[in-house]
């Protein structure tokens, strides 16, 4: 279970004007939702959020190091929502919610596909339909990823959610019959056949274009007679 530290400070003002000024200073307004402590308005550095987002740690456990007027508070959390401005691409607001280590939560776990797929070796094409699965587990049981062996997957076959073996303590939340990965046959179009079809098409067009000319020539010959 990987935990990333994130510095934050308590916001004293929560209106639109102060929030706008925070963004101008490179800070992002945020809020921490806690069951024991209640909700805490926060401000975090935009650069720190960008780093988490770039390293794909914005879905991992975040230890908030909160500065409340000199008083230090630590809260284990997950990012519930990270709002981004559509035009500028800058972070607009962040929502954190407290993690209870004794309560099971829903998580998206990345799938790691391993093995040489026999279907690909026989000329098929592997298609990844899902890159992660949603599971329910305690935070302490959450794995970094789940390995999926695709070596026995043949052309025309697929693996479903129910086929994915997950560690003890985890349970699937996705539909069991949802496809995860499959191998499809590759359709190859022969160049010769395509060229022949084009040639036939061109010949037909030429014949169609020549027909009116022949009719016109016949009419002129009749007039001369």
Protein backbone atom coordinates (compact mmCIF):
# COMPACT_ATOMS: atom_id res chain seq x y z
CA UNK A 1 0.00 0.00 0.00
CA UNK A 2 1.72 3.15 -1.28
CA UNK A 3 1.09 6.44 0.53
CA UNK A 4 2.07 9.85 -0.87
CA UNK A 5 2.43 12.94 1.31
CA UNK A 6 0.69 16.16 0.29
CA UNK A 7 1.07 19.46 2.12
CA UNK A 8 -2.10 21.49 2.74
CA UNK A 9 -3.22 24.44 4.83
CA UNK A 10 -6.59 25.32 6.32
CA UNK A 11 -8.57 27.97 4.46
CA UNK A 12 -10.10 30.63 6.68
CA UNK A 13 -12.26 32.16 3.94
CA UNK A 14 -14.48 30.10 1.68
CA UNK A 15 -16.16 32.62 -0.64
CA UNK A 16 -15.58 32.95 -4.39
CA UNK A 17 -13.33 36.02 -4.10
CA UNK A 18 -10.75 34.41 -1.76
CA UNK A 19 -10.87 31.18 -3.79
CA UNK A 20 -10.09 33.13 -6.96
CA UNK A 21 -7.16 34.85 -5.28
CA UNK A 22 -5.82 31.47 -4.13
CA UNK A 23 -5.79 30.23 -7.73
CA UNK A 24 -3.92 33.35 -8.81
CA UNK A 25 -1.28 32.48 -6.19
CA UNK A 26 -0.81 28.95 -7.57
CA UNK A 27 -3.02 27.30 -4.95
CA UNK A 28 -6.08 25.11 -5.42
CA UNK A 29 -9.11 25.34 -3.10
CA UNK A 30 -9.95 21.94 -1.63
CA UNK A 31 -12.00 20.29 1.08
CA UNK A 32 -11.42 17.30 3.31
CA UNK A 33 -14.45 15.21 4.22
CA UNK A 34 -13.87 13.48 7.55
CA UNK A 35 -16.26 11.46 9.69
CA UNK A 36 -14.51 12.07 12.99
CA UNK A 37 -13.27 15.63 12.47
CA UNK A 38 -15.93 16.91 10.07
CA UNK A 39 -15.23 18.83 6.87
CA UNK A 40 -12.06 20.94 6.67
CA UNK A 41 -11.61 23.60 3.92
CA UNK A 42 -8.07 23.41 2.54
CA UNK A 43 -5.69 24.92 0.03
CA UNK A 44 -3.00 22.86 -1.73
CA UNK A 45 -0.32 23.79 -4.23
CA UNK A 46 -1.33 23.37 -7.86
CA UNK A 47 2.19 22.14 -8.69
CA UNK A 48 1.89 19.35 -6.10
CA UNK A 49 -1.44 18.21 -7.55
CA UNK A 50 0.03 18.31 -11.05
CA UNK A 51 2.91 16.10 -9.89
CA UNK A 52 0.49 13.57 -8.39
CA UNK A 53 -1.61 13.61 -11.55
CA UNK A 54 1.42 13.15 -13.81
CA UNK A 55 2.75 10.25 -11.73
CA UNK A 56 -0.76 8.70 -11.66
CA UNK A 57 -0.80 8.94 -7.87
CA UNK A 58 -3.99 10.97 -7.71
CA UNK A 59 -5.83 7.65 -7.33
CA UNK A 60 -3.50 6.42 -4.58
CA UNK A 61 -3.55 7.00 -0.83
CA UNK A 62 -2.76 10.58 0.12
CA UNK A 63 -1.48 11.55 3.55
CA UNK A 64 -2.58 15.14 4.00
CA UNK A 65 -0.08 17.13 6.10
CA UNK A 66 -2.41 19.92 7.21
CA UNK A 67 -1.15 23.18 8.68
CA UNK A 68 -3.87 24.73 10.84
CA UNK A 69 -2.30 27.99 12.00
CA UNK A 70 0.86 26.27 13.19
CA UNK A 71 -0.95 23.16 14.43
CA UNK A 72 -0.03 20.06 12.40
CA UNK A 73 -2.69 17.50 11.47
CA UNK A 74 -2.23 14.29 9.46
CA UNK A 75 -5.15 12.69 7.63
CA UNK A 76 -5.09 9.61 5.38
CA UNK A 77 -7.33 10.23 2.39
CA UNK A 78 -8.20 9.54 -1.22
CA UNK A 79 -9.02 12.11 -3.87
CA UNK A 80 -12.75 11.89 -4.46
CA UNK A 81 -12.87 14.48 -7.22
CA UNK A 82 -10.33 16.63 -9.01
CA UNK A 83 -11.97 19.40 -11.02
CA UNK A 84 -10.07 20.82 -14.00
CA UNK A 85 -10.91 24.00 -15.93
CA UNK A 86 -11.85 22.95 -19.50
CA UNK A 87 -10.16 25.82 -21.35
CA UNK A 88 -6.96 26.36 -19.34
CA UNK A 89 -6.49 22.77 -18.14
CA UNK A 90 -5.62 24.11 -14.67
CA UNK A 91 -6.87 22.52 -11.45
CA UNK A 92 -9.96 24.25 -10.10
CA UNK A 93 -10.96 22.32 -6.97
CA UNK A 94 -10.09 19.10 -5.15
CA UNK A 95 -12.17 16.92 -2.84
CA UNK A 96 -10.52 14.54 -0.36
CA UNK A 97 -12.32 12.01 1.79
CA UNK A 98 -11.01 10.28 4.87
CA UNK A 99 -9.92 6.65 4.67
CA UNK A 100 -11.00 4.29 7.43
CA UNK A 101 -8.40 1.52 7.57
CA UNK A 102 -10.97 -0.86 9.07
CA UNK A 103 -13.63 -0.31 6.41
CA UNK A 104 -13.75 -1.88 2.95
CA UNK A 105 -13.78 0.55 0.05
CA UNK A 106 -14.17 0.34 -3.72
CA UNK A 107 -10.94 0.73 -5.71
CA UNK A 108 -9.90 0.57 -9.37
CA UNK A 109 -6.87 -1.72 -9.70
CA UNK A 110 -4.67 -1.69 -12.80
CA UNK A 111 -4.35 -4.93 -14.79
CA UNK A 112 -0.88 -6.13 -15.79
CA UNK A 113 -1.08 -8.44 -18.82
CA UNK A 114 1.69 -11.06 -18.89
CA UNK A 115 2.70 -14.00 -21.09
CA UNK A 116 3.09 -14.57 -24.85
CA UNK A 117 -0.39 -14.91 -26.27
CA UNK A 118 -0.71 -18.01 -28.48
CA UNK A 119 -3.47 -16.34 -30.47
CA UNK A 120 -1.16 -13.46 -31.41
CA UNK A 121 1.61 -15.91 -32.40
CA UNK A 122 -0.92 -17.57 -34.73
CA UNK A 123 -1.67 -14.29 -36.47
CA UNK A 124 -4.40 -12.82 -34.27
CA UNK A 125 -4.61 -9.37 -32.72
CA UNK A 126 -5.00 -8.86 -28.98
CA UNK A 127 -7.61 -6.32 -27.89
CA UNK A 128 -7.57 -4.83 -24.39
CA UNK A 129 -11.14 -3.96 -23.46
CA UNK A 130 -10.47 -3.11 -19.80
CA UNK A 131 -7.24 -1.82 -18.32
CA UNK A 132 -8.41 -2.07 -14.70
CA UNK A 133 -11.01 -3.77 -12.56
CA UNK A 134 -13.08 -2.42 -9.69
CA UNK A 135 -12.73 -4.32 -6.43
CA UNK A 136 -13.89 -4.07 -2.83
CA UNK A 137 -11.32 -4.50 -0.08
CA UNK A 138 -9.67 -3.03 2.99
CA UNK A 139 -7.09 -0.33 2.24
CA UNK A 140 -4.34 -2.56 3.67
CA UNK A 141 -5.22 -5.34 1.19
CA UNK A 142 -5.14 -3.13 -1.92
CA UNK A 143 -2.51 -4.39 -4.42
CA UNK A 144 -0.56 -2.13 -6.78
CA UNK A 145 -1.80 -4.21 -9.75
CA UNK A 146 -3.28 -7.57 -10.70
CA UNK A 147 -1.46 -9.90 -13.12
CA UNK A 148 -3.48 -11.39 -15.97
CA UNK A 149 -1.89 -14.30 -17.89
CA UNK A 150 -2.94 -14.18 -21.56
CA UNK A 151 -0.58 -16.88 -22.83
CA UNK A 152 -3.34 -19.49 -23.37
CA UNK A 153 -5.72 -17.08 -25.12
CA UNK A 154 -6.46 -18.27 -28.67
CA UNK A 155 -8.00 -16.50 -31.66
CA UNK A 156 -11.71 -15.90 -31.07
CA UNK A 157 -11.42 -16.38 -27.32
CA UNK A 158 -11.61 -13.84 -24.49
CA UNK A 159 -11.12 -13.46 -20.76
CA UNK A 160 -13.92 -12.08 -18.64
CA UNK A 161 -13.97 -10.44 -15.23
CA UNK A 162 -14.91 -13.75 -13.60
CA UNK A 163 -11.77 -15.32 -15.12
CA UNK A 164 -9.45 -12.81 -13.43
CA UNK A 165 -7.92 -14.27 -10.27
CA UNK A 166 -7.68 -11.68 -7.53
CA UNK A 167 -5.83 -11.87 -4.19
CA UNK A 168 -7.54 -12.98 -1.01
CA UNK A 169 -9.50 -10.23 0.69
CA UNK A 170 -10.68 -8.72 -2.60
CA UNK A 171 -14.01 -9.15 -4.34
CA UNK A 172 -15.05 -8.10 -7.84
CA UNK A 173 -17.50 -5.23 -8.31
CA UNK A 174 -17.59 -5.32 -12.12
CA UNK A 175 -20.17 -7.52 -13.93
CA UNK A 176 -18.71 -11.06 -14.01
CA UNK A 177 -19.38 -11.54 -17.74
CA UNK A 178 -17.77 -8.24 -18.77
CA UNK A 179 -14.97 -8.86 -21.29
CA UNK A 180 -11.45 -7.84 -20.26
CA UNK A 181 -9.21 -8.95 -23.13
CA UNK A 182 -9.78 -10.87 -26.37
CA UNK A 183 -7.94 -12.06 -29.47
CA UNK A 184 -9.49 -11.31 -32.85
CA UNK A 185 -8.61 -12.69 -36.28
CA UNK A 186 -6.82 -10.21 -38.51
CA UNK A 187 -8.58 -9.65 -41.85
CA UNK A 188 -6.00 -9.49 -44.64
CA UNK A 189 -7.05 -8.08 -48.02
CA UNK A 190 -4.89 -9.36 -50.90
CA UNK A 191 -3.35 -6.58 -52.96
CA UNK A 192 -3.77 -8.51 -56.20
CA UNK A 193 -7.50 -8.93 -55.67
CA UNK A 194 -7.90 -5.25 -54.85
CA UNK A 195 -5.98 -4.18 -57.95
CA UNK A 196 -8.02 -6.53 -60.13
CA UNK A 197 -11.25 -5.09 -58.76
CA UNK A 198 -10.03 -1.55 -59.48
CA UNK A 199 -9.07 -2.50 -63.04
CA UNK A 200 -12.47 -4.05 -63.68
CA UNK A 201 -14.14 -0.95 -62.33
CA UNK A 202 -12.09 1.33 -64.56
CA UNK A 203 -12.85 -0.81 -67.62
CA UNK A 204 -16.56 -0.70 -66.88
CA UNK A 205 -16.47 3.07 -66.51
CA UNK A 206 -14.58 3.38 -69.82
CA UNK A 207 -17.11 1.23 -71.62
CA UNK A 208 -19.99 3.22 -70.20
CA UNK A 209 -18.37 6.48 -71.28
CA UNK A 210 -17.71 5.17 -74.83
CA UNK A 211 -21.30 4.01 -75.43
CA UNK A 212 -22.82 7.50 -75.90
CA UNK A 213 -20.02 8.36 -78.36
CA UNK A 214 -20.87 5.30 -80.51
CA UNK A 215 -24.55 6.24 -80.59
CA UNK A 216 -23.70 9.81 -81.61
CA UNK A 217 -21.50 8.51 -84.46
CA UNK A 218 -24.32 6.30 -85.77
CA UNK A 219 -26.76 9.23 -85.79
CA UNK A 220 -24.33 11.38 -87.83
CA UNK A 221 -23.87 8.61 -90.42
CA UNK A 222 -27.67 8.31 -90.82
CA UNK A 223 -27.95 12.05 -91.43
CA UNK A 224 -25.31 11.96 -94.20
CA UNK A 225 -27.24 9.23 -96.00
